[in-house]
Amino acid sequence: MDKANIIITSMGGPTKVARLLGFGQTPGAVQRVSNWKKRGIPSRVLLEHAGLFRPYLALLGYLAQDPGNTPRTDGSHSSSRRVETGSVP
């Protein structure tokens, strides 16, 4: 399975990714994202939406993974960050 395919599938599929990227009801938006599964996600899109793709790129080894923002298979994220209370000296 191609890495772009893994990312798009993990995020919920082409329809959800098109919506998350703000393509809205633009004709051909879902097909456009679906094509990326074979051709790869354009660098421009990855850069413009880095926050959206960062956790998935980290899982594939492209970035250092933030343990507090781990993507789940359903496209949501879990937070494992611990908040400590108390005074700071």
PDB file of N, CA and C in Angstrom:
ATOM      1  N   MET A   1       0.850  -1.181   0.000  1.00  0.00           N
ATOM      2  CA  MET A   1       0.000   0.000   0.000  1.00  0.00           C
ATOM      3  C   MET A   1       0.893   1.240   0.000  1.00  0.00           C
ATOM      4  N   ASP A   2       0.628   2.158  -0.879  1.00  0.00           N
ATOM      5  CA  ASP A   2       1.399   3.398  -0.968  1.00  0.00           C
ATOM      6  C   ASP A   2       1.178   4.254   0.277  1.00  0.00           C
ATOM      7  N   LYS A   3       2.198   5.023   0.652  1.00  0.00           N
ATOM      8  CA  LYS A   3       2.112   5.833   1.877  1.00  0.00           C
ATOM      9  C   LYS A   3       0.994   6.873   1.809  1.00  0.00           C
ATOM     10  N   ALA A   4       0.797   7.490   0.646  1.00  0.00           N
ATOM     11  CA  ALA A   4      -0.300   8.451   0.509  1.00  0.00           C
ATOM     12  C   ALA A   4      -1.640   7.747   0.706  1.00  0.00           C
ATOM     13  N   ASN A   5      -1.751   6.537   0.196  1.00  0.00           N
ATOM     14  CA  ASN A   5      -2.977   5.757   0.363  1.00  0.00           C
ATOM     15  C   ASN A   5      -3.213   5.455   1.842  1.00  0.00           C
ATOM     16  N   ILE A   6      -2.148   5.102   2.550  1.00  0.00           N
ATOM     17  CA  ILE A   6      -2.257   4.821   3.987  1.00  0.00           C
ATOM     18  C   ILE A   6      -2.744   6.062   4.733  1.00  0.00           C
ATOM     19  N   ILE A   7      -2.157   7.207   4.423  1.00  0.00           N
ATOM     20  CA  ILE A   7      -2.537   8.453   5.103  1.00  0.00           C
ATOM     21  C   ILE A   7      -3.996   8.791   4.833  1.00  0.00           C
ATOM     22  N   ILE A   8      -4.398   8.794   3.569  1.00  0.00           N
ATOM     23  CA  ILE A   8      -5.767   9.175   3.209  1.00  0.00           C
ATOM     24  C   ILE A   8      -6.779   8.199   3.799  1.00  0.00           C
ATOM     25  N   THR A   9      -6.461   6.910   3.755  1.00  0.00           N
ATOM     26  CA  THR A   9      -7.358   5.905   4.332  1.00  0.00           C
ATOM     27  C   THR A   9      -7.461   6.078   5.847  1.00  0.00           C
ATOM     28  N   SER A  10      -6.332   6.326   6.505  1.00  0.00           N
ATOM     29  CA  SER A  10      -6.322   6.517   7.959  1.00  0.00           C
ATOM     30  C   SER A  10      -7.104   7.750   8.389  1.00  0.00           C
ATOM     31  N   MET A  11      -7.131   8.750   7.522  1.00  0.00           N
ATOM     32  CA  MET A  11      -7.839   9.997   7.846  1.00  0.00           C
ATOM     33  C   MET A  11      -9.341   9.897   7.590  1.00  0.00           C
ATOM     34  N   GLY A  12      -9.794   8.783   7.022  1.00  0.00           N
ATOM     35  CA  GLY A  12     -11.230   8.601   6.821  1.00  0.00           C
ATOM     36  C   GLY A  12     -11.649   8.511   5.372  1.00  0.00           C
ATOM     37  N   GLY A  13     -10.704   8.518   4.450  1.00  0.00           N
ATOM     38  CA  GLY A  13     -11.025   8.381   3.029  1.00  0.00           C
ATOM     39  C   GLY A  13     -11.038   9.710   2.297  1.00  0.00           C
ATOM     40  N   PRO A  14     -11.124   9.643   0.966  1.00  0.00           N
ATOM     41  CA  PRO A  14     -11.054  10.850   0.134  1.00  0.00           C
ATOM     42  C   PRO A  14     -12.139  11.887   0.428  1.00  0.00           C
ATOM     43  N   THR A  15     -13.347  11.457   0.718  1.00  0.00           N
ATOM     44  CA  THR A  15     -14.428  12.408   0.986  1.00  0.00           C
ATOM     45  C   THR A  15     -14.142  13.213   2.239  1.00  0.00           C
ATOM     46  N   LYS A  16     -13.723  12.524   3.298  1.00  0.00           N
ATOM     47  CA  LYS A  16     -13.440  13.217   4.553  1.00  0.00           C
ATOM     48  C   LYS A  16     -12.222  14.125   4.407  1.00  0.00           C
ATOM     49  N   VAL A  17     -11.183  13.650   3.722  1.00  0.00           N
ATOM     50  CA  VAL A  17      -9.979  14.461   3.549  1.00  0.00           C
ATOM     51  C   VAL A  17     -10.296  15.715   2.733  1.00  0.00           C
ATOM     52  N   ALA A  18     -11.085  15.566   1.668  1.00  0.00           N
ATOM     53  CA  ALA A  18     -11.479  16.732   0.861  1.00  0.00           C
ATOM     54  C   ALA A  18     -12.207  17.754   1.734  1.00  0.00           C
ATOM     55  N   ARG A  19     -13.078  17.272   2.614  1.00  0.00           N
ATOM     56  CA  ARG A  19     -13.813  18.176   3.507  1.00  0.00           C
ATOM     57  C   ARG A  19     -12.864  18.838   4.502  1.00  0.00           C
ATOM     58  N   LEU A  20     -11.926  18.059   5.079  1.00  0.00           N
ATOM     59  CA  LEU A  20     -10.974  18.603   6.043  1.00  0.00           C
ATOM     60  C   LEU A  20     -10.057  19.658   5.415  1.00  0.00           C
ATOM     61  N   LEU A  21      -9.778  19.497   4.130  1.00  0.00           N
ATOM     62  CA  LEU A  21      -8.919  20.455   3.427  1.00  0.00           C
ATOM     63  C   LEU A  21      -9.682  21.691   2.958  1.00  0.00           C
ATOM     64  N   GLY A  22     -10.988  21.679   3.152  1.00  0.00           N
ATOM     65  CA  GLY A  22     -11.787  22.849   2.798  1.00  0.00           C
ATOM     66  C   GLY A  22     -12.178  22.915   1.335  1.00  0.00           C
ATOM     67  N   PHE A  23     -12.133  21.786   0.649  1.00  0.00           N
ATOM     68  CA  PHE A  23     -12.516  21.780  -0.764  1.00  0.00           C
ATOM     69  C   PHE A  23     -14.021  21.909  -0.937  1.00  0.00           C
ATOM     70  N   GLY A  24     -14.769  21.642   0.141  1.00  0.00           N
ATOM     71  CA  GLY A  24     -16.221  21.815   0.116  1.00  0.00           C
ATOM     72  C   GLY A  24     -16.892  21.032  -0.988  1.00  0.00           C
ATOM     73  N   GLN A  25     -17.794  21.698  -1.665  1.00  0.00           N
ATOM     74  CA  GLN A  25     -18.565  21.061  -2.723  1.00  0.00           C
ATOM     75  C   GLN A  25     -17.966  21.308  -4.101  1.00  0.00           C
ATOM     76  N   THR A  26     -16.691  21.644  -4.160  1.00  0.00           N
ATOM     77  CA  THR A  26     -16.026  21.889  -5.434  1.00  0.00           C
ATOM     78  C   THR A  26     -16.139  20.643  -6.304  1.00  0.00           C
ATOM     79  N   PRO A  27     -16.629  20.798  -7.539  1.00  0.00           N
ATOM     80  CA  PRO A  27     -16.738  19.628  -8.416  1.00  0.00           C
ATOM     81  C   PRO A  27     -15.387  18.947  -8.591  1.00  0.00           C
ATOM     82  N   GLY A  28     -15.364  17.643  -8.427  1.00  0.00           N
ATOM     83  CA  GLY A  28     -14.142  16.871  -8.603  1.00  0.00           C
ATOM     84  C   GLY A  28     -13.232  16.826  -7.396  1.00  0.00           C
ATOM     85  N   ALA A  29     -13.642  17.421  -6.278  1.00  0.00           N
ATOM     86  CA  ALA A  29     -12.777  17.488  -5.097  1.00  0.00           C
ATOM     87  C   ALA A  29     -12.444  16.099  -4.558  1.00  0.00           C
ATOM     88  N   VAL A  30     -13.441  15.241  -4.453  1.00  0.00           N
ATOM     89  CA  VAL A  30     -13.212  13.901  -3.918  1.00  0.00           C
ATOM     90  C   VAL A  30     -12.342  13.094  -4.880  1.00  0.00           C
ATOM     91  N   GLN A  31     -12.590  13.223  -6.174  1.00  0.00           N
ATOM     92  CA  GLN A  31     -11.772  12.518  -7.161  1.00  0.00           C
ATOM     93  C   GLN A  31     -10.328  12.999  -7.113  1.00  0.00           C
ATOM     94  N   ARG A  32     -10.156  14.296  -6.915  1.00  0.00           N
ATOM     95  CA  ARG A  32      -8.821  14.890  -6.804  1.00  0.00           C
ATOM     96  C   ARG A  32      -8.039  14.237  -5.670  1.00  0.00           C
ATOM     97  N   VAL A  33      -8.663  14.145  -4.482  1.00  0.00           N
ATOM     98  CA  VAL A  33      -8.009  13.533  -3.329  1.00  0.00           C
ATOM     99  C   VAL A  33      -7.799  12.041  -3.571  1.00  0.00           C
ATOM    100  N   SER A  34      -8.763  11.395  -4.179  1.00  0.00           N
ATOM    101  CA  SER A  34      -8.636   9.974  -4.476  1.00  0.00           C
ATOM    102  C   SER A  34      -7.441   9.699  -5.393  1.00  0.00           C
ATOM    103  N   ASN A  35      -7.187  10.583  -6.344  1.00  0.00           N
ATOM    104  CA  ASN A  35      -6.044  10.430  -7.246  1.00  0.00           C
ATOM    105  C   ASN A  35      -4.721  10.472  -6.482  1.00  0.00           C
ATOM    106  N   TRP A  36      -4.687  11.214  -5.377  1.00  0.00           N
ATOM    107  CA  TRP A  36      -3.463  11.318  -4.591  1.00  0.00           C
ATOM    108  C   TRP A  36      -3.060   9.974  -4.007  1.00  0.00           C
ATOM    109  N   LYS A  37      -4.031   9.061  -3.824  1.00  0.00           N
ATOM    110  CA  LYS A  37      -3.725   7.754  -3.264  1.00  0.00           C
ATOM    111  C   LYS A  37      -2.722   7.012  -4.144  1.00  0.00           C
ATOM    112  N   LYS A  38      -2.746   7.259  -5.433  1.00  0.00           N
ATOM    113  CA  LYS A  38      -1.793   6.630  -6.367  1.00  0.00           C
ATOM    114  C   LYS A  38      -0.630   7.558  -6.692  1.00  0.00           C
ATOM    115  N   ARG A  39      -0.915   8.849  -6.872  1.00  0.00           N
ATOM    116  CA  ARG A  39       0.100   9.806  -7.327  1.00  0.00           C
ATOM    117  C   ARG A  39       0.899  10.432  -6.205  1.00  0.00           C
ATOM    118  N   GLY A  40       0.378  10.358  -4.992  1.00  0.00           N
ATOM    119  CA  GLY A  40       1.014  11.000  -3.849  1.00  0.00           C
ATOM    120  C   GLY A  40       0.358  12.338  -3.539  1.00  0.00           C
ATOM    121  N   ILE A  41       0.411  12.731  -2.304  1.00  0.00           N
ATOM    122  CA  ILE A  41      -0.163  14.003  -1.867  1.00  0.00           C
ATOM    123  C   ILE A  41       0.812  15.101  -2.259  1.00  0.00           C
ATOM    124  N   PRO A  42       0.359  16.122  -2.981  1.00  0.00           N
ATOM    125  CA  PRO A  42       1.265  17.196  -3.405  1.00  0.00           C
ATOM    126  C   PRO A  42       1.953  17.875  -2.218  1.00  0.00           C
ATOM    127  N   SER A  43       3.224  18.195  -2.398  1.00  0.00           N
ATOM    128  CA  SER A  43       4.000  18.851  -1.337  1.00  0.00           C
ATOM    129  C   SER A  43       3.336  20.142  -0.876  1.00  0.00           C
ATOM    130  N   ARG A  44       2.789  20.876  -1.807  1.00  0.00           N
ATOM    131  CA  ARG A  44       2.131  22.144  -1.464  1.00  0.00           C
ATOM    132  C   ARG A  44       0.991  21.916  -0.472  1.00  0.00           C
ATOM    133  N   VAL A  45       0.212  20.858  -0.698  1.00  0.00           N
ATOM    134  CA  VAL A  45      -0.908  20.534   0.200  1.00  0.00           C
ATOM    135  C   VAL A  45      -0.362  20.126   1.564  1.00  0.00           C
ATOM    136  N   LEU A  46       0.686  19.313   1.592  1.00  0.00           N
ATOM    137  CA  LEU A  46       1.279  18.897   2.863  1.00  0.00           C
ATOM    138  C   LEU A  46       1.796  20.090   3.657  1.00  0.00           C
ATOM    139  N   LEU A  47       2.405  21.050   2.975  1.00  0.00           N
ATOM    140  CA  LEU A  47       2.925  22.233   3.655  1.00  0.00           C
ATOM    141  C   LEU A  47       1.819  23.163   4.128  1.00  0.00           C
ATOM    142  N   GLU A  48       0.811  23.391   3.281  1.00  0.00           N
ATOM    143  CA  GLU A  48      -0.284  24.301   3.639  1.00  0.00           C
ATOM    144  C   GLU A  48      -1.150  23.739   4.768  1.00  0.00           C
ATOM    145  N   HIS A  49      -1.178  22.432   4.921  1.00  0.00           N
ATOM    146  CA  HIS A  49      -2.019  21.780   5.932  1.00  0.00           C
ATOM    147  C   HIS A  49      -1.167  20.882   6.831  1.00  0.00           C
ATOM    148  N   ALA A  50       0.009  21.381   7.193  1.00  0.00           N
ATOM    149  CA  ALA A  50       0.966  20.596   7.974  1.00  0.00           C
ATOM    150  C   ALA A  50       0.366  20.074   9.277  1.00  0.00           C
ATOM    151  N   GLY A  51      -0.411  20.876   9.940  1.00  0.00           N
ATOM    152  CA  GLY A  51      -1.014  20.461  11.199  1.00  0.00           C
ATOM    153  C   GLY A  51      -1.943  19.271  11.045  1.00  0.00           C
ATOM    154  N   LEU A  52      -2.608  19.193   9.931  1.00  0.00           N
ATOM    155  CA  LEU A  52      -3.532  18.098   9.659  1.00  0.00           C
ATOM    156  C   LEU A  52      -2.783  16.799   9.357  1.00  0.00           C
ATOM    157  N   PHE A  53      -1.705  16.891   8.600  1.00  0.00           N
ATOM    158  CA  PHE A  53      -0.980  15.702   8.157  1.00  0.00           C
ATOM    159  C   PHE A  53       0.149  15.270   9.092  1.00  0.00           C
ATOM    160  N   ARG A  54       0.614  16.167   9.961  1.00  0.00           N
ATOM    161  CA  ARG A  54       1.788  15.895  10.797  1.00  0.00           C
ATOM    162  C   ARG A  54       1.699  14.573  11.571  1.00  0.00           C
ATOM    163  N   PRO A  55       0.620  14.268  12.272  1.00  0.00           N
ATOM    164  CA  PRO A  55       0.591  13.009  13.040  1.00  0.00           C
ATOM    165  C   PRO A  55       0.727  11.772  12.148  1.00  0.00           C
ATOM    166  N   TYR A  56       0.165  11.833  10.961  1.00  0.00           N
ATOM    167  CA  TYR A  56       0.217  10.685  10.056  1.00  0.00           C
ATOM    168  C   TYR A  56       1.604  10.533   9.440  1.00  0.00           C
ATOM    169  N   LEU A  57       2.244  11.638   9.140  1.00  0.00           N
ATOM    170  CA  LEU A  57       3.606  11.599   8.626  1.00  0.00           C
ATOM    171  C   LEU A  57       4.560  11.073   9.700  1.00  0.00           C
ATOM    172  N   ALA A  58       4.293  11.432  10.946  1.00  0.00           N
ATOM    173  CA  ALA A  58       5.118  10.948  12.053  1.00  0.00           C
ATOM    174  C   ALA A  58       4.997   9.433  12.189  1.00  0.00           C
ATOM    175  N   LEU A  59       3.800   8.909  12.047  1.00  0.00           N
ATOM    176  CA  LEU A  59       3.607   7.459  12.151  1.00  0.00           C
ATOM    177  C   LEU A  59       4.357   6.710  11.062  1.00  0.00           C
ATOM    178  N   LEU A  60       4.513   7.332   9.913  1.00  0.00           N
ATOM    179  CA  LEU A  60       5.216   6.696   8.804  1.00  0.00           C
ATOM    180  C   LEU A  60       6.723   6.944   8.860  1.00  0.00           C
ATOM    181  N   GLY A  61       7.171   7.657   9.899  1.00  0.00           N
ATOM    182  CA  GLY A  61       8.592   7.853  10.101  1.00  0.00           C
ATOM    183  C   GLY A  61       9.180   9.088   9.446  1.00  0.00           C
ATOM    184  N   TYR A  62       8.339   9.982   8.928  1.00  0.00           N
ATOM    185  CA  TYR A  62       8.851  11.199   8.300  1.00  0.00           C
ATOM    186  C   TYR A  62       9.168  12.288   9.307  1.00  0.00           C
ATOM    187  N   LEU A  63       8.532  12.253  10.470  1.00  0.00           N
ATOM    188  CA  LEU A  63       8.720  13.277  11.497  1.00  0.00           C
ATOM    189  C   LEU A  63       8.837  12.603  12.851  1.00  0.00           C
ATOM    190  N   ALA A  64       9.415  13.312  13.800  1.00  0.00           N
ATOM    191  CA  ALA A  64       9.407  12.822  15.169  1.00  0.00           C
ATOM    192  C   ALA A  64       7.973  12.861  15.665  1.00  0.00           C
ATOM    193  N   GLN A  65       7.501  11.778  16.217  1.00  0.00           N
ATOM    194  CA  GLN A  65       6.107  11.685  16.638  1.00  0.00           C
ATOM    195  C   GLN A  65       5.863  12.395  17.954  1.00  0.00           C
ATOM    196  N   ASP A  66       4.771  13.134  18.012  1.00  0.00           N
ATOM    197  CA  ASP A  66       4.321  13.788  19.234  1.00  0.00           C
ATOM    198  C   ASP A  66       3.414  12.792  19.948  1.00  0.00           C
ATOM    199  N   PRO A  67       3.843  12.231  21.081  1.00  0.00           N
ATOM    200  CA  PRO A  67       3.044  11.201  21.737  1.00  0.00           C
ATOM    201  C   PRO A  67       1.690  11.696  22.227  1.00  0.00           C
ATOM    202  N   GLY A  68       1.492  12.998  22.312  1.00  0.00           N
ATOM    203  CA  GLY A  68       0.219  13.529  22.775  1.00  0.00           C
ATOM    204  C   GLY A  68      -0.769  13.763  21.662  1.00  0.00           C
ATOM    205  N   ASN A  69      -0.424  13.421  20.443  1.00  0.00           N
ATOM    206  CA  ASN A  69      -1.323  13.669  19.321  1.00  0.00           C
ATOM    207  C   ASN A  69      -1.271  12.468  18.372  1.00  0.00           C
ATOM    208  N   THR A  70      -1.635  11.310  18.891  1.00  0.00           N
ATOM    209  CA  THR A  70      -1.551  10.074  18.129  1.00  0.00           C
ATOM    210  C   THR A  70      -2.851   9.821  17.381  1.00  0.00           C
ATOM    211  N   PRO A  71      -2.796   9.679  16.044  1.00  0.00           N
ATOM    212  CA  PRO A  71      -4.020   9.417  15.298  1.00  0.00           C
ATOM    213  C   PRO A  71      -4.533   8.009  15.544  1.00  0.00           C
ATOM    214  N   ARG A  72      -5.824   7.873  15.553  1.00  0.00           N
ATOM    215  CA  ARG A  72      -6.464   6.573  15.652  1.00  0.00           C
ATOM    216  C   ARG A  72      -6.913   6.156  14.258  1.00  0.00           C
ATOM    217  N   THR A  73      -7.306   4.920  14.117  1.00  0.00           N
ATOM    218  CA  THR A  73      -7.730   4.429  12.804  1.00  0.00           C
ATOM    219  C   THR A  73      -9.021   5.087  12.329  1.00  0.00           C
ATOM    220  N   ASP A  74      -9.810   5.663  13.239  1.00  0.00           N
ATOM    221  CA  ASP A  74     -11.065   6.304  12.837  1.00  0.00           C
ATOM    222  C   ASP A  74     -10.872   7.779  12.484  1.00  0.00           C
ATOM    223  N   GLY A  75      -9.618   8.251  12.455  1.00  0.00           N
ATOM    224  CA  GLY A  75      -9.335   9.626  12.078  1.00  0.00           C
ATOM    225  C   GLY A  75      -9.310  10.602  13.233  1.00  0.00           C
ATOM    226  N   SER A  76      -9.742  10.158  14.426  1.00  0.00           N
ATOM    227  CA  SER A  76      -9.702  11.050  15.578  1.00  0.00           C
ATOM    228  C   SER A  76      -8.318  10.961  16.224  1.00  0.00           C
ATOM    229  N   HIS A  77      -8.089  11.764  17.228  1.00  0.00           N
ATOM    230  CA  HIS A  77      -6.803  11.779  17.897  1.00  0.00           C
ATOM    231  C   HIS A  77      -6.989  11.559  19.383  1.00  0.00           C
ATOM    232  N   SER A  78      -6.032  10.868  19.971  1.00  0.00           N
ATOM    233  CA  SER A  78      -6.056  10.687  21.417  1.00  0.00           C
ATOM    234  C   SER A  78      -4.990  11.574  22.029  1.00  0.00           C
ATOM    235  N   SER A  79      -5.198  11.953  23.224  1.00  0.00           N
ATOM    236  CA  SER A  79      -4.211  12.773  23.900  1.00  0.00           C
ATOM    237  C   SER A  79      -3.699  12.014  25.103  1.00  0.00           C
ATOM    238  N   SER A  80      -2.396  11.804  25.132  1.00  0.00           N
ATOM    239  CA  SER A  80      -1.803  11.097  26.263  1.00  0.00           C
ATOM    240  C   SER A  80      -0.986  12.037  27.134  1.00  0.00           C
ATOM    241  N   ARG A  81      -1.142  13.318  26.915  1.00  0.00           N
ATOM    242  CA  ARG A  81      -0.386  14.290  27.705  1.00  0.00           C
ATOM    243  C   ARG A  81      -0.919  14.332  29.125  1.00  0.00           C
ATOM    244  N   ARG A  82       0.003  14.414  30.072  1.00  0.00           N
ATOM    245  CA  ARG A  82      -0.379  14.521  31.467  1.00  0.00           C
ATOM    246  C   ARG A  82      -0.212  15.957  31.916  1.00  0.00           C
ATOM    247  N   VAL A  83      -1.172  16.431  32.633  1.00  0.00           N
ATOM    248  CA  VAL A  83      -1.100  17.776  33.175  1.00  0.00           C
ATOM    249  C   VAL A  83      -0.791  17.657  34.644  1.00  0.00           C
ATOM    250  N   GLU A  84       0.311  18.266  35.052  1.00  0.00           N
ATOM    251  CA  GLU A  84       0.675  18.221  36.444  1.00  0.00           C
ATOM    252  C   GLU A  84       0.298  19.542  37.110  1.00  0.00           C
ATOM    253  N   THR A  85      -0.251  19.431  38.277  1.00  0.00           N
ATOM    254  CA  THR A  85      -0.634  20.629  39.003  1.00  0.00           C
ATOM    255  C   THR A  85       0.361  20.882  40.119  1.00  0.00           C
ATOM    256  N   GLY A  86       0.383  22.059  40.579  1.00  0.00           N
ATOM    257  CA  GLY A  86       1.286  22.405  41.671  1.00  0.00           C
ATOM    258  C   GLY A  86       1.959  23.728  41.363  1.00  0.00           C
ATOM    259  N   SER A  87       2.709  24.210  42.337  1.00  0.00           N
ATOM    260  CA  SER A  87       3.362  25.495  42.144  1.00  0.00           C
ATOM    261  C   SER A  87       4.734  25.294  41.535  1.00  0.00           C
ATOM    262  N   VAL A  88       5.148  26.297  40.808  1.00  0.00           N
ATOM    263  CA  VAL A  88       6.468  26.273  40.195  1.00  0.00           C
ATOM    264  C   VAL A  88       7.378  27.132  41.068  1.00  0.00           C
ATOM    265  N   PRO A  89       8.544  26.606  41.497  1.00  0.00           N
ATOM    266  CA  PRO A  89       9.430  27.373  42.379  1.00  0.00           C
ATOM    267  C   PRO A  89       9.945  28.632  41.719  1.00  0.00           C
TER     268      PRO A  89
END
